[in-house]
Protein backbone atom coordinates (compact mmCIF):
# COMPACT_ATOMS: atom_id res chain seq x y z
CA MET A 1 0.09 -0.28 -0.22
CA GLU A 2 2.33 2.75 0.91
CA ASN A 3 4.27 2.48 -2.42
CA THR A 4 1.00 2.77 -4.30
CA LEU A 5 0.62 5.52 -2.65
CA ASN A 6 4.17 7.11 -3.02
CA VAL A 7 4.15 7.90 0.89
CA ALA A 8 7.12 7.58 3.50
CA PRO A 9 7.14 7.82 7.31
CA LEU A 10 5.35 10.42 8.98
CA THR A 11 7.23 13.29 10.00
CA VAL A 12 4.75 15.92 11.75
CA TYR A 13 6.44 14.47 15.60
CA LYS A 14 9.12 16.99 14.57
CA THR A 15 7.05 20.04 15.03
CA GLY A 16 7.22 19.24 18.71
CA LEU A 17 3.40 18.85 19.24
CA LYS A 18 2.07 16.12 21.10
CA ARG A 19 -0.17 13.52 19.68
CA ASP A 20 -3.25 14.69 20.98
CA ALA A 21 -3.16 18.65 19.62
CA LEU A 22 -5.90 17.88 17.88
CA LYS A 23 -8.10 15.65 19.58
CA GLY A 24 -11.74 15.81 19.61
CA ASP A 25 -11.37 17.67 15.93
CA VAL A 26 -12.65 16.45 12.31
CA ALA A 27 -11.25 17.96 9.48
CA VAL A 28 -12.20 17.45 6.09
CA VAL A 29 -8.60 17.80 3.14
CA THR A 30 -10.11 18.39 0.18
CA GLY A 31 -7.80 16.50 -2.41
CA GLY A 32 -6.87 14.09 0.27
CA THR A 33 -5.22 11.02 -1.56
CA SER A 34 -1.90 12.27 -2.49
CA ASN A 35 0.95 14.13 -1.92
CA ILE A 36 0.49 17.70 -0.04
CA GLY A 37 -3.35 16.65 0.31
CA LEU A 38 -2.26 12.65 1.78
CA GLY A 39 0.58 14.38 3.72
CA VAL A 40 -2.03 16.82 5.47
CA ALA A 41 -4.49 13.95 6.33
CA ARG A 42 -1.94 11.83 7.72
CA SER A 43 -0.62 14.72 9.72
CA LEU A 44 -3.71 15.81 11.25
CA ALA A 45 -5.01 12.01 12.29
CA TRP A 46 -1.20 11.48 14.23
CA LEU A 47 -2.85 14.72 15.84
CA GLY A 48 -5.62 13.11 17.09
CA ALA A 49 -8.03 14.48 14.64
CA LYS A 50 -10.95 12.19 12.66
CA VAL A 51 -10.44 12.62 9.11
CA VAL A 52 -12.38 12.82 6.26
CA VAL A 53 -10.74 12.84 3.04
CA ALA A 54 -12.66 13.77 -0.13
CA ALA A 55 -11.61 12.71 -3.51
CA ARG A 56 -12.77 11.14 -6.75
CA LYS A 57 -10.69 7.98 -6.75
CA PRO A 58 -12.46 5.39 -5.08
CA GLU A 59 -9.62 2.53 -5.39
CA THR A 60 -6.89 5.45 -4.08
CA GLY A 61 -9.22 6.30 -1.74
CA ASN A 62 -9.87 3.65 -0.23
CA ALA A 63 -6.29 3.14 -0.05
CA VAL A 64 -5.79 6.44 2.05
CA GLU A 65 -8.06 5.71 4.41
CA LYS A 66 -6.59 2.16 5.49
CA LEU A 67 -2.85 3.29 5.59
CA ILE A 68 -4.21 6.27 8.41
CA ASN A 69 -6.12 3.79 10.02
CA SER A 70 -3.62 1.71 9.91
CA GLU A 71 -1.07 4.51 11.55
CA ASN A 72 -3.91 5.21 13.82
CA GLU A 73 -6.63 4.64 15.83
CA PRO A 74 -9.27 2.11 13.74
CA ASP A 75 -12.09 4.89 12.21
CA THR A 76 -9.14 7.41 12.38
CA ALA A 77 -9.94 8.18 8.59
CA LEU A 78 -12.99 8.23 6.46
CA PHE A 79 -12.75 8.39 2.56
CA VAL A 80 -15.77 9.98 0.70
CA SER A 81 -15.65 9.93 -3.18
CA THR A 82 -16.21 13.36 -4.42
CA ASP A 83 -15.61 15.81 -7.13
CA VAL A 84 -15.71 19.26 -4.93
CA SER A 85 -16.77 21.48 -8.12
CA ASP A 86 -20.36 19.67 -7.82
CA GLU A 87 -23.04 20.77 -5.02
CA LYS A 88 -24.81 17.81 -5.09
CA ASN A 89 -21.63 15.27 -4.10
CA MET A 90 -20.01 18.16 -1.66
CA ARG A 91 -23.59 18.18 0.42
CA SER A 92 -23.05 14.22 0.25
CA MET A 93 -19.57 14.16 1.52
CA ALA A 94 -20.79 16.55 4.56
CA ASP A 95 -24.08 14.01 5.31
CA LYS A 96 -21.28 11.62 5.73
CA ALA A 97 -18.85 13.78 7.38
CA PHE A 98 -21.33 14.66 9.79
CA GLY A 99 -22.90 11.23 9.93
CA LYS A 100 -19.66 9.16 11.10
CA PHE A 101 -18.30 12.21 12.95
CA GLY A 102 -21.03 14.53 13.98
CA LYS A 103 -19.68 17.93 12.75
CA VAL A 104 -16.48 19.60 11.42
CA ASP A 105 -14.02 21.54 12.75
CA ILE A 106 -11.37 21.88 10.61
CA LEU A 107 -11.66 22.03 6.31
CA VAL A 108 -8.43 22.01 4.27
CA ASN A 109 -9.32 23.62 0.40
CA ASN A 110 -6.91 21.69 -1.10
CA ALA A 111 -7.17 19.74 -4.04
CA MET A 112 -6.53 20.82 -7.53
CA ASP A 113 -6.60 19.24 -10.99
CA MET A 114 -2.12 20.14 -11.87
CA SER A 115 -2.93 18.07 -15.19
CA LEU A 116 -4.73 21.20 -16.56
CA ALA A 117 -2.05 23.98 -15.92
CA ALA A 118 -1.05 25.77 -19.45
CA PRO A 119 0.70 28.79 -20.23
CA ILE A 120 -1.97 31.78 -20.44
CA LEU A 121 -2.00 31.90 -24.39
CA LYS A 122 -2.40 28.07 -24.74
CA THR A 123 -5.37 27.69 -21.95
CA THR A 124 -8.32 26.35 -23.56
CA VAL A 125 -11.75 27.85 -22.07
CA GLN A 126 -12.23 24.45 -21.01
CA GLN A 127 -9.51 24.01 -18.88
CA LEU A 128 -9.68 27.12 -17.49
CA ASP A 129 -13.69 26.46 -16.88
CA ARG A 130 -12.73 23.50 -14.84
CA GLN A 131 -9.97 24.61 -13.23
CA TYR A 132 -12.35 27.22 -11.95
CA GLU A 133 -14.84 24.73 -11.13
CA VAL A 134 -12.33 22.67 -9.07
CA ALA A 135 -10.11 25.51 -7.40
CA VAL A 136 -13.27 28.23 -6.20
CA ARG A 137 -16.69 26.55 -6.25
CA GLY A 138 -15.11 23.85 -4.51
CA ALA A 139 -13.81 26.05 -1.98
CA LEU A 140 -16.81 28.56 -1.91
CA LEU A 141 -18.91 25.01 -1.96
CA GLY A 142 -16.81 23.90 1.12
CA ILE A 143 -17.16 26.83 3.00
CA GLN A 144 -20.91 27.39 2.44
CA LEU A 145 -21.43 23.52 4.29
CA PHE A 146 -19.13 23.40 7.42
CA VAL A 147 -18.20 27.54 8.15
CA PRO A 148 -21.69 27.48 9.99
CA GLY A 149 -21.50 24.86 12.31
CA MET A 150 -17.90 26.39 13.38
CA GLN A 151 -19.89 29.31 13.97
CA GLU A 152 -22.36 27.91 16.29
CA ARG A 153 -20.16 25.57 18.01
CA HIS A 154 -17.11 29.14 18.37
CA HIS A 155 -14.53 26.20 17.23
CA GLY A 156 -13.28 25.99 13.57
CA VAL A 157 -10.33 26.35 11.39
CA VAL A 158 -10.55 26.78 7.68
CA THR A 159 -7.05 27.02 5.59
CA TYR A 160 -6.02 27.05 1.80
CA LEU A 161 -3.04 25.71 -0.62
CA SER A 162 -2.46 29.15 -1.87
CA THR A 163 0.58 30.10 -4.82
CA ALA A 164 2.75 31.65 -6.69
CA PHE A 165 0.44 34.87 -7.66
CA ARG A 166 1.35 35.04 -11.15
CA TYR A 167 3.97 32.77 -12.99
CA PRO A 168 6.79 33.85 -15.19
CA MET A 169 6.22 30.15 -17.23
CA GLY A 170 4.00 26.71 -17.41
CA PRO A 171 0.94 26.11 -15.48
CA SER A 172 -0.05 30.28 -15.10
CA ASN A 173 -4.41 29.65 -15.88
CA TYR A 174 -3.49 27.45 -12.07
CA CYS A 175 -2.37 30.51 -10.56
CA ALA A 176 -4.87 32.74 -12.08
CA VAL A 177 -7.86 31.05 -9.97
CA LYS A 178 -5.46 29.89 -7.44
CA ALA A 179 -5.60 33.79 -6.81
CA ALA A 180 -9.27 34.35 -7.17
CA THR A 181 -9.67 31.07 -4.43
CA ALA A 182 -6.95 33.23 -1.54
CA SER A 183 -8.65 36.29 -2.79
CA ILE A 184 -12.14 34.37 -1.13
CA MET A 185 -9.81 33.27 2.22
CA MET A 186 -8.82 37.03 2.83
CA SER A 187 -12.56 38.15 2.60
CA LEU A 188 -14.05 35.14 4.33
CA ALA A 189 -11.48 36.05 7.44
CA ASN A 190 -12.67 40.06 6.91
CA GLU A 191 -16.58 38.82 7.04
CA LEU A 192 -16.11 36.67 9.89
CA GLY A 193 -14.13 39.22 11.89
CA PRO A 194 -11.75 38.61 14.74
CA VAL A 195 -11.13 34.83 16.13
CA GLU A 196 -12.84 36.03 19.43
CA LYS A 197 -15.82 36.84 18.54
CA SER A 198 -16.48 34.13 15.88
CA GLY A 199 -14.32 31.21 16.69
CA VAL A 200 -13.00 30.36 13.35
CA ALA A 201 -9.92 31.39 11.81
CA VAL A 202 -8.64 31.75 8.16
CA PHE A 203 -5.61 31.72 6.81
CA THR A 204 -4.29 30.61 3.52
CA PHE A 205 -0.99 28.49 2.83
CA LEU A 206 1.34 28.24 0.55
CA PRO A 207 3.66 25.64 0.29
CA THR A 208 5.94 25.83 -2.48
CA THR A 209 7.57 22.76 -4.58
CA VAL A 210 6.21 19.87 -2.65
CA GLY A 211 6.61 16.36 -4.14
CA ARG A 212 9.06 13.12 -4.83
CA PRO A 213 9.77 11.71 -8.34
CA ARG A 214 7.25 9.69 -9.80
CA THR A 215 8.50 6.08 -10.96
CA ALA A 216 5.86 6.72 -14.00
CA THR A 217 3.08 8.65 -14.88
CA PRO A 218 -0.39 7.53 -15.21
CA GLU A 219 -2.32 7.33 -18.44
CA GLY A 220 -4.08 10.95 -19.38
CA GLU A 221 -1.74 12.63 -17.31
CA LYS A 222 0.90 15.03 -17.85
CA SER A 223 4.26 15.33 -16.36
CA PHE A 224 5.61 17.87 -14.33
CA VAL A 225 9.45 18.19 -13.86
CA LEU A 226 9.99 18.93 -9.86
CA ALA A 227 13.65 20.61 -10.31
CA HIS A 228 13.26 23.56 -8.10
CA ALA A 229 15.56 23.03 -4.95
CA MET A 230 13.62 24.34 -1.66
CA PRO A 231 15.61 25.88 0.52
CA GLY A 232 16.63 23.84 3.23
CA TYR A 233 16.43 21.04 0.70
CA GLY A 234 18.10 19.58 -2.72
CA GLY A 235 14.90 19.76 -3.68
CA PRO A 236 11.07 19.48 -3.98
CA ILE A 237 10.16 19.09 0.17
CA PRO A 238 8.48 15.83 1.25
CA PRO A 239 5.06 15.72 1.55
CA GLU A 240 5.66 14.64 4.94
CA ASP A 241 7.13 17.14 6.08
CA CYS A 242 4.70 19.36 3.97
CA GLY A 243 1.76 18.24 5.73
CA ALA A 244 3.84 18.48 9.30
CA ALA A 245 3.82 22.68 8.12
CA LEU A 246 0.66 22.84 7.91
CA ALA A 247 -0.93 20.84 10.78
CA TYR A 248 1.41 22.61 12.74
CA CYS A 249 -0.30 25.94 11.70
CA ILE A 250 -3.58 24.74 12.23
CA THR A 251 -2.76 24.30 15.88
CA ARG A 252 -1.68 28.12 15.59
CA ALA A 253 -4.75 29.12 13.47
CA ALA A 254 -6.31 31.50 15.81
CA GLU A 255 -2.37 33.61 15.60
CA LEU A 256 -2.65 33.18 11.97
CA HIS A 257 -6.18 34.50 11.06
CA GLY A 258 -6.38 36.20 8.11
CA SER A 259 -2.84 35.90 7.78
CA GLY A 260 -0.59 34.07 4.01
CA ILE A 261 1.88 32.29 5.43
CA ILE A 262 4.61 30.36 3.14
CA ILE A 263 5.83 26.63 4.35
CA GLN A 264 9.24 28.30 4.86
CA GLN A 265 7.86 31.03 7.73
CA ALA A 266 6.18 27.81 9.60
CA PHE A 267 9.42 25.66 9.41
CA ARG A 268 11.36 28.63 11.17
CA GLN A 269 8.77 28.83 13.85
CA MET A 270 9.44 25.06 14.66
CA LYS A 271 12.82 25.59 14.91
CA TRP A 272 12.80 22.64 11.68
CA PRO A 273 15.91 20.20 11.34
CA PHE A 274 16.01 21.17 7.52
CA PRO A 275 18.34 18.39 5.76
CA LYS A 276 20.66 21.15 4.11
CA PRO A 277 20.42 24.24 6.80
CA GLU A 278 23.27 26.08 5.50
CA THR A 279 20.82 26.56 2.63
CA VAL A 280 17.72 28.39 4.46
CA PRO A 281 17.54 32.15 4.43
CA THR A 282 18.21 33.90 7.18
CA SER A 283 16.04 36.60 6.57
CA ASP A 284 12.05 37.44 5.22
CA TYR A 285 10.10 40.03 4.22
CA ASN A 286 8.02 41.84 6.25
CA ARG A 287 4.10 42.02 6.06
CA ILE A 288 1.82 44.22 3.62
CA ASN A 289 -0.20 46.85 4.99
CA GLU A 290 -3.88 46.10 5.21
CA ARG A 291 -5.33 49.12 3.09
CA VAL A 292 -2.41 47.88 -0.08
CA LEU A 293 -2.98 44.07 0.79
CA SER A 294 -6.65 45.38 -0.07
CA LEU A 295 -5.49 46.88 -2.92
CA MET A 296 -2.82 44.30 -4.16
CA PHE A 297 -3.56 44.36 -7.97
CA ALA A 298 -3.12 48.33 -7.69
CA TYR A 299 0.32 48.28 -6.56
CA MET A 300 1.95 45.40 -9.23
CA GLY A 301 5.18 46.71 -10.81
CA PRO A 302 7.06 49.53 -11.01
CA GLY A 303 3.75 51.39 -11.86
CA PHE A 304 4.72 55.35 -13.11
CA PRO A 305 8.26 56.10 -13.86
CA ASP A 306 7.36 59.91 -12.25
CA PRO A 307 4.55 60.03 -9.65
CA VAL A 308 3.32 63.30 -8.70
CA VAL A 309 3.13 62.33 -4.97
CA PRO A 310 5.68 60.83 -2.45
CA LEU A 311 5.66 57.05 -2.15
CA THR A 312 5.98 55.69 1.70
CA SER A 313 6.50 52.40 2.96
CA ILE A 314 3.48 49.58 2.16
CA ASN A 315 5.29 47.39 5.72
CA TYR A 316 2.88 46.69 8.87
CA TYR A 317 6.18 48.44 10.90
CA ASP A 318 7.30 51.34 9.30
């Protein structure tokens, strides 16, 4: 089974979190049968959460359910075959989650279809529509199905796996629809207000390049080369490490409400034992002023070369 799912031993214990850190919580992870989604689902289960894995392929999903249950207590995981873009499918998945576990406290919006990724000039309308259905509609449906219950219990976390705002080559349509969902997440955080008021924390998580080389590409899927060497690593970040980092952020979600977090920031907070620590940057970018963030599209690029008013810092701390 491990070879079929292409998994490695979990590393979530390196976060320093206790195995009962999320005991009593129930998580839904969309796209939870491979790569990042699988790493997150396994890590949340290790921390004591019950996990509903929502993805399309029953054969893989059933193997994931079996794997997670073997790593934890029986009935820790439930796989539900789900097309996140289909409202009826999502409602059925929610009903099964509620029927099995009674509630949902954590929503990890992760589902996406990288096989449809393409540059802007080569993107078909059908590709863009399908990307939008999965990324945007899927996240919206999940939010509407689960957040009201979180508000009633004054306890919940919603997160989204974001990506680069723009892409210099390759999967530009993928970035475009991801940007739309990231905007939904930031708007949701504002609409809910402070965590003290709603009990629900909302943040986005940028995982950068995660995965491990495939021995073969399944028929009908594109092959993507994971060529980038991530800081602290000699190549892509293993899914187990990514899952550990996101799980750590979920345990601190109340502090991260309304924020976007990149995986390296989480690693540094945990004092993660990088395999190549000498490649890890020792500084980071400052945070963007809230007013500027709301108007981000207006502040891209160099702008006018001769502005007629003085320019001020966009940073929170200046």
